[in-house]
Amino acid sequence: MSKMKFFYPVIFVLFYLFMTVTISAQEIIWKCTTPEKSWFNCKKPDFSQTDKDTISEYITIDSKIRYQKIDGWGGCFNERGWDAMSVLSEKQRTNVIKAFFDPVEGCKLNYGRTPIGCSDYSTDWYSYNETPGDFEMKNFSIDRDKKKQIPFIKEALSFRPDLKLWGVPWSSPTWMKDKKDIFLTDPNIQEAYALYFSKYITYYKREGVNIFMVMPENEEPNIQAAGNPVNPFWTHFNNDMAFDFLRNYLIPRLKKDQPACEIWLGTLHMNQFDFVEKCFNDPIVKSYVKGIGGQWGGDVVFRQMKNNYPTLQLMQTETKCNIDIEPLRSVNTNDWTYAIDQWGLIKKYLESGANSFMLWNMILDETGRSITNWAQCSPVTIDSRSSKITYNPQFYAFKHFSYFVEPGSIRLKSTGNFTDQIAFVKTNGDLVLVVQNSHSIDHSVKIKFDGKMIQPVLPPRSWNTFILKTSGSN
């Protein structure tokens, strides 16, 4: 009997230790990508009771200090992406689109950008109405989009029926511009162009594609951008012209015809804070416009706008097309260096207050070339000769965010002398930490959160996402 009394406490202690180890193992998920191996599970680090003195770099997550809510992640639908997939079987094409949009296994994209008419990644220039003087838009047609754009979108919708689609034009119809592609400010033309937007929303809805938001112009007002050449893929506005069209024509037209469709300002290019202030100092614009889209250098505007107008939604609308190489437009650098640049761009925009982040082209052929012969990058490349599908490093740099940082997550304060990191809390209370190790050797780091600590060794040149489960999560 005395022996049994002795064994009871021992059994209890062993059971407690077993359960503690088991719970600890379940409380951490660590996903990693390196140049040699993509998207694999790392051995889960144990919780540490004491610091290892040899580890000097650390990250501290403060789950009590919270910033903006994350609304989601997206990419742009372009004709050349659909054409790139034309060499694939139907099953292969479906799998590529699944890799982006599937809400279980894919990148979980929940936003989609679509050009209103052509973009520089259409197969050639076009608009929905090239009939001069057709102010009533009697000859408006999206028949061109029914061949490539809409099938592309519908494949994505088959995985994400809740996909939030938005549109923006690169160019108005040619008869609405002069020979230098500057928009004509004739009131009849401005009224017709606003109707053009409304028709686009209506005709897409007839095809089963709902547009939840539009922006007035790609890279507006681009007439003032330094070094911009005359380009048929742009309609040039200055600040006053862009403001007048938005306030006096587009807002009244959509308010009347498309009350469910939002208008956001954008897509802004570089620092255009004066234009933004002009718009939001106007009570009509301020009351109707729900958000701002910015790309490339637009994060400067984001920081200012988040302070001045904290309720505005901010979207990074187009990830950087390439890295700064010479000559810039000659080759698409779908390599690890470009992906590191992209990882940093995501971090920069999120820390500037962005609520959502958009890829540019999702899929291109091996050349990556636009109509203007600019070789740009893409997360997925499809070789037109061999049909080989390549998931480039950028795909995984992006997925390390989009897969785990779900809509509704909130960015957290995270500090420390290891700065290649950014933290979030999910709606279920789990903490998400995305970390980059840019070093060419293993790198140890202490991660402190909610009174706990782990001390993982990050593989060389890696992206890492840690899910740190809390007691209140499932």
Protein backbone atom coordinates (compact mmCIF):
# COMPACT_ATOMS: atom_id res chain seq x y z
CA MET A 1 0.00 0.00 0.00
CA SER A 2 2.85 2.36 0.84
CA LYS A 3 4.38 1.64 -2.59
CA MET A 4 1.13 2.67 -4.27
CA LYS A 5 1.12 5.92 -2.27
CA PHE A 6 4.62 6.55 -3.57
CA PHE A 7 3.71 5.89 -7.21
CA TYR A 8 0.63 8.16 -7.31
CA PRO A 9 2.61 11.45 -7.03
CA VAL A 10 5.22 10.16 -9.49
CA ILE A 11 2.56 9.24 -12.03
CA PHE A 12 0.90 12.64 -11.56
CA VAL A 13 4.16 14.52 -12.10
CA LEU A 14 4.98 12.50 -15.22
CA PHE A 15 1.49 13.10 -16.59
CA TYR A 16 1.79 16.83 -15.88
CA LEU A 17 5.17 17.03 -17.61
CA PHE A 18 3.84 15.08 -20.59
CA MET A 19 0.85 17.39 -20.94
CA THR A 20 3.00 20.50 -20.55
CA VAL A 21 5.33 19.41 -23.35
CA THR A 22 2.38 18.41 -25.53
CA ILE A 23 0.59 21.73 -25.03
CA SER A 24 3.79 23.67 -25.67
CA ALA A 25 4.32 21.77 -28.91
CA GLN A 26 0.79 22.60 -30.03
CA GLU A 27 1.08 26.28 -29.16
CA ILE A 28 3.62 27.17 -31.86
CA ILE A 29 3.49 26.83 -35.64
CA TRP A 30 6.63 27.75 -37.59
CA LYS A 31 6.50 27.93 -41.39
CA CYS A 32 9.70 28.64 -43.29
CA THR A 33 10.96 29.28 -46.84
CA THR A 34 14.59 29.26 -47.99
CA PRO A 35 16.14 29.39 -51.49
CA GLU A 36 16.57 25.61 -51.30
CA LYS A 37 13.17 24.66 -49.89
CA SER A 38 9.79 26.39 -49.92
CA TRP A 39 6.95 26.49 -47.44
CA PHE A 40 7.96 23.81 -44.93
CA ASN A 41 7.32 23.26 -41.24
CA CYS A 42 10.27 23.84 -38.94
CA LYS A 43 10.80 22.08 -35.65
CA LYS A 44 8.83 24.01 -33.07
CA PRO A 45 11.02 25.77 -30.52
CA ASP A 46 10.28 25.12 -26.86
CA PHE A 47 9.23 27.89 -24.53
CA SER A 48 12.26 29.17 -22.63
CA GLN A 49 12.36 29.99 -18.96
CA THR A 50 15.63 31.92 -19.14
CA ASP A 51 17.51 33.86 -21.78
CA LYS A 52 20.47 32.30 -23.49
CA ASP A 53 23.21 34.83 -22.87
CA THR A 54 24.78 34.11 -26.25
CA ILE A 55 21.71 35.40 -28.13
CA SER A 56 22.00 39.16 -28.38
CA GLU A 57 19.19 39.94 -30.84
CA TYR A 58 15.59 39.98 -29.72
CA ILE A 59 12.01 40.83 -30.68
CA THR A 60 9.37 41.88 -28.17
CA ILE A 61 5.69 41.74 -29.18
CA ASP A 62 3.36 44.03 -27.24
CA SER A 63 -0.14 42.64 -27.77
CA LYS A 64 -1.72 45.56 -25.89
CA ILE A 65 -0.59 48.25 -28.34
CA ARG A 66 -2.56 47.85 -31.54
CA TYR A 67 -2.63 49.70 -34.85
CA GLN A 68 -4.68 49.24 -38.04
CA LYS A 69 -6.93 46.34 -39.00
CA ILE A 70 -5.83 44.28 -42.00
CA ASP A 71 -8.60 43.94 -44.60
CA GLY A 72 -6.81 41.60 -46.97
CA TRP A 73 -4.54 40.81 -49.88
CA GLY A 74 -5.00 40.82 -53.64
CA GLY A 75 -3.68 40.84 -57.17
CA CYS A 76 -4.49 42.27 -60.61
CA PHE A 77 -6.22 40.49 -63.49
CA ASN A 78 -4.64 41.23 -66.86
CA GLU A 79 -5.01 39.73 -70.33
CA ARG A 80 -1.36 38.73 -70.53
CA GLY A 81 -1.75 36.66 -67.39
CA TRP A 82 -4.59 34.71 -69.00
CA ASP A 83 -2.57 34.34 -72.20
CA ALA A 84 0.40 33.00 -70.23
CA MET A 85 -1.84 30.20 -68.94
CA SER A 86 -3.04 29.31 -72.45
CA VAL A 87 -0.23 26.73 -72.83
CA LEU A 88 -1.48 24.83 -69.76
CA SER A 89 -4.09 22.13 -69.49
CA GLU A 90 -7.35 23.15 -67.85
CA LYS A 91 -6.34 21.30 -64.68
CA GLN A 92 -2.94 23.00 -64.56
CA ARG A 93 -4.52 26.42 -65.05
CA THR A 94 -7.02 25.76 -62.29
CA ASN A 95 -4.23 24.74 -59.95
CA VAL A 96 -2.29 27.95 -60.63
CA ILE A 97 -5.34 30.10 -59.88
CA LYS A 98 -6.08 27.93 -56.83
CA ALA A 99 -2.56 28.69 -55.55
CA PHE A 100 -3.54 32.35 -55.32
CA PHE A 101 -7.19 32.30 -54.29
CA ASP A 102 -7.99 29.09 -52.46
CA PRO A 103 -8.95 30.08 -48.88
CA VAL A 104 -7.54 26.87 -47.40
CA GLU A 105 -4.31 26.03 -49.26
CA GLY A 106 -3.60 29.08 -51.41
CA CYS A 107 -2.44 32.61 -50.73
CA LYS A 108 -6.03 33.32 -49.67
CA LEU A 109 -6.37 36.45 -51.82
CA ASN A 110 -9.66 38.23 -51.12
CA TYR A 111 -9.18 41.33 -53.31
CA GLY A 112 -8.90 41.59 -57.09
CA ARG A 113 -8.01 44.57 -59.27
CA THR A 114 -9.28 44.80 -62.82
CA PRO A 115 -8.52 47.47 -65.44
CA ILE A 116 -11.44 49.49 -66.79
CA GLY A 117 -10.51 48.93 -70.42
CA CYS A 118 -6.89 48.27 -71.32
CA SER A 119 -3.78 48.27 -69.17
CA ASP A 120 -0.16 48.03 -70.24
CA TYR A 121 -0.57 44.25 -69.71
CA SER A 122 -3.45 43.92 -72.12
CA THR A 123 -2.43 42.34 -75.41
CA ASP A 124 -3.00 45.73 -77.11
CA TRP A 125 -4.68 49.07 -76.52
CA TYR A 126 -8.50 49.25 -76.33
CA SER A 127 -11.37 51.02 -74.62
CA TYR A 128 -15.05 50.16 -74.18
CA ASN A 129 -16.22 52.86 -76.59
CA GLU A 130 -14.21 54.26 -79.49
CA THR A 131 -17.16 56.02 -81.14
CA PRO A 132 -16.33 59.77 -81.14
CA GLY A 133 -19.02 61.96 -79.64
CA ASP A 134 -21.05 59.07 -78.18
CA PHE A 135 -21.86 61.01 -75.03
CA GLU A 136 -24.76 58.71 -74.16
CA MET A 137 -22.52 55.61 -74.39
CA LYS A 138 -24.87 53.85 -76.81
CA ASN A 139 -21.93 51.90 -78.25
CA PHE A 140 -20.41 50.93 -74.92
CA SER A 141 -19.29 47.28 -74.97
CA ILE A 142 -17.28 44.90 -72.79
CA ASP A 143 -17.24 42.14 -75.43
CA ARG A 144 -13.44 42.24 -75.43
CA ASP A 145 -13.34 41.48 -71.67
CA LYS A 146 -15.62 38.46 -72.11
CA LYS A 147 -12.80 36.65 -73.92
CA LYS A 148 -10.03 36.88 -71.30
CA GLN A 149 -10.57 39.24 -68.37
CA ILE A 150 -13.93 37.94 -67.21
CA PRO A 151 -13.03 34.22 -67.58
CA PHE A 152 -9.88 34.93 -65.53
CA ILE A 153 -11.94 36.62 -62.83
CA LYS A 154 -14.57 33.87 -62.81
CA GLU A 155 -11.93 31.19 -62.26
CA ALA A 156 -10.83 33.12 -59.17
CA LEU A 157 -14.45 33.54 -58.05
CA SER A 158 -14.88 29.76 -58.18
CA PHE A 159 -12.46 29.62 -55.22
CA ARG A 160 -13.43 32.92 -53.60
CA PRO A 161 -17.10 33.80 -54.25
CA ASP A 162 -16.60 36.63 -51.75
CA LEU A 163 -13.73 38.15 -53.77
CA LYS A 164 -13.84 41.95 -53.51
CA LEU A 165 -13.24 43.31 -57.01
CA TRP A 166 -12.39 46.88 -57.87
CA GLY A 167 -11.65 48.71 -61.09
CA VAL A 168 -9.46 51.54 -62.32
CA PRO A 169 -8.81 52.86 -65.86
CA TRP A 170 -5.40 53.38 -67.38
CA SER A 171 -6.92 55.47 -70.16
CA SER A 172 -10.17 57.04 -71.24
CA PRO A 173 -11.44 56.48 -74.80
CA THR A 174 -9.15 58.25 -77.27
CA TRP A 175 -11.76 60.82 -78.32
CA MET A 176 -11.83 62.15 -74.78
CA LYS A 177 -8.15 63.17 -74.99
CA ASP A 178 -6.05 65.49 -77.11
CA LYS A 179 -2.99 64.38 -79.09
CA LYS A 180 -0.84 64.56 -75.95
CA ASP A 181 -3.25 62.27 -74.05
CA ILE A 182 -4.44 65.15 -71.87
CA PHE A 183 -8.07 64.83 -70.82
CA LEU A 184 -10.44 67.30 -72.47
CA THR A 185 -12.37 69.25 -69.86
CA ASP A 186 -15.46 69.82 -71.99
CA PRO A 187 -18.42 69.21 -69.61
CA ASN A 188 -20.04 66.86 -72.14
CA ILE A 189 -16.92 64.71 -72.19
CA GLN A 190 -16.58 64.71 -68.42
CA GLU A 191 -20.21 63.68 -68.06
CA ALA A 192 -19.73 60.94 -70.66
CA TYR A 193 -16.63 59.63 -68.89
CA ALA A 194 -18.50 59.39 -65.58
CA LEU A 195 -21.23 57.45 -67.42
CA TYR A 196 -18.46 55.21 -68.81
CA PHE A 197 -17.62 54.17 -65.22
CA SER A 198 -21.27 53.50 -64.43
CA LYS A 199 -21.72 51.36 -67.56
CA TYR A 200 -18.64 49.33 -66.64
CA ILE A 201 -20.12 48.49 -63.23
CA THR A 202 -23.52 47.62 -64.73
CA TYR A 203 -22.18 45.47 -67.58
CA TYR A 204 -19.79 43.55 -65.34
CA LYS A 205 -22.66 42.86 -62.93
CA ARG A 206 -24.63 41.37 -65.82
CA GLU A 207 -21.77 38.91 -66.27
CA GLY A 208 -21.96 37.90 -62.60
CA VAL A 209 -18.99 40.04 -61.54
CA ASN A 210 -19.72 42.56 -58.81
CA ILE A 211 -17.48 45.63 -58.57
CA PHE A 212 -17.43 46.95 -55.02
CA MET A 213 -15.20 49.99 -55.64
CA VAL A 214 -13.58 52.13 -58.34
CA MET A 215 -10.67 54.56 -58.40
CA PRO A 216 -10.66 57.41 -60.96
CA GLU A 217 -7.30 56.83 -62.64
CA ASN A 218 -4.18 54.70 -62.55
CA GLU A 219 -1.35 56.79 -61.08
CA GLU A 220 -3.35 60.00 -60.92
CA PRO A 221 -2.79 62.88 -61.46
CA ASN A 222 0.12 61.71 -63.55
CA ILE A 223 0.59 64.78 -65.73
CA GLN A 224 2.81 66.13 -62.96
CA ALA A 225 4.97 63.05 -62.48
CA ALA A 226 8.58 63.87 -63.29
CA GLY A 227 9.78 62.47 -66.59
CA ASN A 228 6.47 60.95 -67.67
CA PRO A 229 6.42 60.72 -71.49
CA VAL A 230 3.31 60.96 -73.61
CA ASN A 231 1.79 57.49 -73.42
CA PRO A 232 -1.52 56.24 -74.86
CA PHE A 233 -1.96 54.04 -71.76
CA TRP A 234 -2.47 57.13 -69.64
CA THR A 235 -5.02 59.88 -69.55
CA HIS A 236 -3.19 62.87 -68.15
CA PHE A 237 -4.86 65.05 -65.50
CA ASN A 238 -3.44 67.82 -63.37
CA ASN A 239 -4.65 68.32 -59.79
CA ASP A 240 -7.48 70.70 -60.70
CA MET A 241 -8.72 68.54 -63.59
CA ALA A 242 -8.66 65.35 -61.51
CA PHE A 243 -10.44 67.04 -58.60
CA ASP A 244 -13.11 68.57 -60.86
CA PHE A 245 -13.89 65.25 -62.56
CA LEU A 246 -14.09 63.40 -59.24
CA ARG A 247 -16.21 65.97 -57.37
CA ASN A 248 -18.53 67.27 -60.06
CA TYR A 249 -19.00 64.30 -62.37
CA LEU A 250 -17.95 60.89 -61.04
CA ILE A 251 -19.38 61.21 -57.53
CA PRO A 252 -22.81 62.51 -58.67
CA ARG A 253 -23.07 59.86 -61.40
CA LEU A 254 -22.22 56.88 -59.20
CA LYS A 255 -24.23 58.23 -56.30
CA LYS A 256 -27.25 58.19 -58.64
CA ASP A 257 -26.61 55.03 -60.70
CA GLN A 258 -24.40 52.84 -58.48
CA PRO A 259 -25.04 53.72 -54.82
CA ALA A 260 -23.56 50.41 -53.61
CA CYS A 261 -20.24 51.01 -55.36
CA GLU A 262 -17.61 52.90 -53.39
CA ILE A 263 -15.20 55.49 -54.77
CA TRP A 264 -11.63 55.64 -53.47
CA LEU A 265 -8.99 58.19 -54.34
CA GLY A 266 -6.21 56.76 -56.46
CA THR A 267 -4.20 55.14 -57.58
CA LEU A 268 -1.73 57.69 -56.24
CA HIS A 269 1.85 57.55 -57.43
CA MET A 270 4.65 58.92 -55.26
CA ASN A 271 4.03 61.76 -52.80
CA GLN A 272 0.89 63.65 -53.89
CA PHE A 273 -0.18 64.96 -50.51
CA ASP A 274 -1.24 68.37 -51.90
CA PHE A 275 -3.73 66.70 -54.21
CA VAL A 276 -5.04 64.48 -51.41
CA GLU A 277 -5.48 67.48 -49.10
CA LYS A 278 -7.31 69.37 -51.84
CA CYS A 279 -9.76 66.49 -52.17
CA PHE A 280 -10.37 65.88 -48.48
CA ASN A 281 -10.72 69.55 -47.63
CA ASP A 282 -13.83 69.49 -49.79
CA PRO A 283 -16.93 68.36 -47.85
CA ILE A 284 -18.51 66.54 -50.81
CA VAL A 285 -15.43 64.48 -51.58
CA LYS A 286 -14.71 63.85 -47.92
CA SER A 287 -18.24 62.58 -47.26
CA TYR A 288 -18.26 60.17 -50.21
CA VAL A 289 -14.73 58.85 -50.75
CA LYS A 290 -14.04 55.89 -48.46
CA GLY A 291 -10.35 55.21 -48.99
CA ILE A 292 -7.09 55.89 -50.75
CA GLY A 293 -5.02 53.67 -53.02
CA GLY A 294 -1.30 54.31 -53.40
CA GLN A 295 1.62 52.52 -55.01
CA TRP A 296 5.41 52.71 -55.28
CA GLY A 297 6.21 55.83 -53.20
CA GLY A 298 2.67 56.33 -51.91
CA ASP A 299 3.53 55.17 -48.40
CA VAL A 300 4.60 58.74 -47.58
CA VAL A 301 1.03 59.90 -48.21
CA PHE A 302 -0.27 57.00 -46.13
CA ARG A 303 1.59 58.07 -43.01
CA GLN A 304 0.27 61.60 -43.32
CA MET A 305 -3.29 60.53 -44.11
CA LYS A 306 -3.43 58.05 -41.23
CA ASN A 307 -2.72 60.91 -38.86
CA ASN A 308 -5.11 63.39 -40.49
CA TYR A 309 -7.96 61.02 -41.41
CA PRO A 310 -7.69 57.90 -39.23
CA THR A 311 -10.95 56.32 -40.47
CA LEU A 312 -9.88 56.22 -44.14
CA GLN A 313 -9.07 52.83 -45.60
CA LEU A 314 -5.61 52.62 -47.18
CA MET A 315 -4.70 50.15 -49.93
CA GLN A 316 -1.29 49.53 -51.50
CA THR A 317 -2.51 49.04 -55.06
CA GLU A 318 0.46 47.78 -57.06
CA THR A 319 3.60 46.13 -55.83
CA LYS A 320 6.87 47.30 -57.36
CA CYS A 321 7.35 45.92 -60.89
CA ASN A 322 11.09 45.24 -60.70
CA ILE A 323 14.21 46.21 -58.81
CA ASP A 324 16.52 49.08 -59.70
CA ILE A 325 18.72 47.46 -62.30
CA GLU A 326 20.34 48.94 -65.39
CA PRO A 327 18.81 49.03 -67.84
CA LEU A 328 15.67 48.96 -65.70
CA ARG A 329 13.24 47.58 -68.25
CA SER A 330 15.35 44.96 -70.01
CA VAL A 331 14.98 41.86 -67.80
CA ASN A 332 12.58 40.55 -65.18
CA THR A 333 14.53 39.62 -62.06
CA ASN A 334 12.31 36.96 -60.51
CA ASP A 335 15.01 36.07 -58.01
CA TRP A 336 15.59 36.05 -54.26
CA THR A 337 16.95 39.62 -54.27
CA TYR A 338 13.77 40.95 -55.84
CA ALA A 339 11.66 38.98 -53.36
CA ILE A 340 13.60 40.43 -50.41
CA ASP A 341 12.81 43.87 -51.82
CA GLN A 342 9.13 42.88 -52.02
CA TRP A 343 9.10 41.56 -48.45
CA GLY A 344 10.48 44.88 -47.27
CA LEU A 345 7.90 46.79 -49.33
CA ILE A 346 5.05 44.89 -47.67
CA LYS A 347 6.51 45.64 -44.25
CA LYS A 348 6.99 49.32 -45.11
CA TYR A 349 3.43 49.81 -46.33
CA LEU A 350 1.89 47.97 -43.39
CA GLU A 351 3.93 50.04 -40.96
CA SER A 352 2.72 53.15 -42.82
CA GLY A 353 -0.89 52.18 -42.05
CA ALA A 354 -2.02 50.17 -45.11
CA ASN A 355 -5.09 48.02 -44.52
CA SER A 356 -4.60 45.94 -47.66
CA PHE A 357 -1.82 45.09 -50.10
CA MET A 358 -2.06 44.22 -53.80
CA LEU A 359 0.24 42.31 -56.10
CA TRP A 360 0.59 43.68 -59.63
CA ASN A 361 0.61 40.90 -62.26
CA MET A 362 0.09 37.53 -60.61
CA ILE A 363 1.07 35.40 -63.62
CA LEU A 364 3.22 36.17 -66.68
CA ASP A 365 5.15 34.30 -69.34
CA GLU A 366 8.93 33.95 -69.19
CA THR A 367 9.52 37.36 -70.80
CA GLY A 368 7.28 39.32 -68.44
CA ARG A 369 7.04 42.00 -71.09
CA SER A 370 4.33 44.64 -71.30
CA ILE A 371 3.00 46.29 -74.46
CA THR A 372 5.65 48.97 -73.89
CA ASN A 373 8.33 46.20 -73.78
CA TRP A 374 9.03 46.55 -70.06
CA ALA A 375 10.10 43.20 -68.57
CA GLN A 376 8.37 42.98 -65.19
CA CYS A 377 8.27 40.41 -62.41
CA SER A 378 5.46 38.15 -61.24
CA PRO A 379 4.97 35.59 -58.47
CA VAL A 380 4.32 32.85 -61.03
CA THR A 381 6.04 32.44 -64.39
CA ILE A 382 4.84 30.08 -67.11
CA ASP A 383 7.29 29.20 -69.89
CA SER A 384 5.48 29.52 -73.22
CA ARG A 385 7.73 26.90 -74.86
CA SER A 386 7.89 24.14 -72.24
CA SER A 387 4.70 24.96 -70.23
CA LYS A 388 6.82 24.82 -67.08
CA ILE A 389 5.20 26.55 -64.10
CA THR A 390 7.59 28.31 -61.72
CA TYR A 391 6.55 29.66 -58.34
CA ASN A 392 9.10 32.44 -57.92
CA PRO A 393 10.51 33.53 -54.54
CA GLN A 394 8.12 36.51 -54.52
CA PHE A 395 5.19 34.09 -54.33
CA TYR A 396 6.40 32.75 -50.98
CA ALA A 397 7.55 36.13 -49.63
CA PHE A 398 3.96 37.27 -50.16
CA LYS A 399 2.31 34.06 -48.93
CA HIS A 400 4.17 34.27 -45.62
CA PHE A 401 1.93 37.28 -44.97
CA SER A 402 -1.31 36.57 -46.82
CA TYR A 403 -1.79 32.97 -45.69
CA PHE A 404 -1.54 33.73 -41.96
CA VAL A 405 -2.50 37.40 -41.60
CA GLU A 406 -6.19 36.96 -42.29
CA PRO A 407 -8.75 39.75 -42.78
CA GLY A 408 -9.65 41.17 -39.41
CA SER A 409 -6.14 40.74 -38.01
CA ILE A 410 -4.63 43.78 -36.31
CA ARG A 411 -1.05 44.96 -36.52
CA LEU A 412 0.74 45.00 -33.17
CA LYS A 413 3.65 46.93 -31.76
CA SER A 414 6.83 44.90 -31.98
CA THR A 415 10.21 46.23 -30.91
CA GLY A 416 13.77 45.02 -30.48
CA ASN A 417 17.16 45.20 -32.12
CA PHE A 418 16.13 42.59 -34.70
CA THR A 419 14.10 44.78 -37.08
CA ASP A 420 13.22 42.48 -40.02
CA GLN A 421 9.91 41.54 -38.41
CA ILE A 422 6.30 42.63 -38.08
CA ALA A 423 3.57 41.28 -35.75
CA PHE A 424 -0.21 40.88 -35.77
CA VAL A 425 -3.02 39.43 -33.69
CA LYS A 426 -5.70 37.33 -35.41
CA THR A 427 -9.40 37.52 -34.55
CA ASN A 428 -9.07 34.32 -32.46
CA GLY A 429 -6.30 35.85 -30.37
CA ASP A 430 -3.35 34.04 -31.96
CA LEU A 431 -0.24 36.14 -32.48
CA VAL A 432 1.44 36.14 -35.90
CA LEU A 433 5.07 37.16 -36.33
CA VAL A 434 6.59 37.39 -39.82
CA VAL A 435 10.40 37.43 -39.76
CA GLN A 436 13.09 37.64 -42.42
CA ASN A 437 16.65 36.42 -41.97
CA SER A 438 18.64 38.16 -44.70
CA HIS A 439 21.95 36.75 -43.41
CA SER A 440 23.77 33.95 -45.22
CA ILE A 441 24.16 31.97 -41.98
CA ASP A 442 21.88 30.66 -39.24
CA HIS A 443 20.64 33.43 -37.00
CA SER A 444 19.43 33.03 -33.42
CA VAL A 445 16.84 35.44 -32.04
CA LYS A 446 14.83 35.72 -28.84
CA ILE A 447 11.10 36.29 -29.37
CA LYS A 448 9.25 37.57 -26.30
CA PHE A 449 5.45 37.72 -26.13
CA ASP A 450 2.83 37.79 -23.37
CA GLY A 451 5.31 36.75 -20.69
CA LYS A 452 6.65 33.85 -22.78
CA MET A 453 9.77 33.44 -24.86
CA ILE A 454 11.05 31.24 -27.67
CA GLN A 455 14.57 31.22 -29.06
CA PRO A 456 14.49 29.85 -32.61
CA VAL A 457 17.46 29.55 -34.94
CA LEU A 458 16.41 31.09 -38.26
CA PRO A 459 17.77 29.31 -41.35
CA PRO A 460 20.05 31.30 -43.67
CA ARG A 461 18.28 33.65 -46.10
CA SER A 462 14.80 32.70 -44.97
CA TRP A 463 11.29 33.97 -44.47
CA ASN A 464 9.59 32.70 -41.35
CA THR A 465 6.08 32.99 -39.98
CA PHE A 466 5.39 32.05 -36.36
CA ILE A 467 1.87 31.44 -35.09
CA LEU A 468 2.02 31.88 -31.34
CA LYS A 469 -1.19 30.44 -29.97
CA THR A 470 -2.71 32.03 -26.90
CA SER A 471 -4.72 30.34 -24.18
CA GLY A 472 -7.91 31.77 -25.63
CA SER A 473 -7.48 30.40 -29.16
CA ASN A 474 -8.63 27.13 -30.59
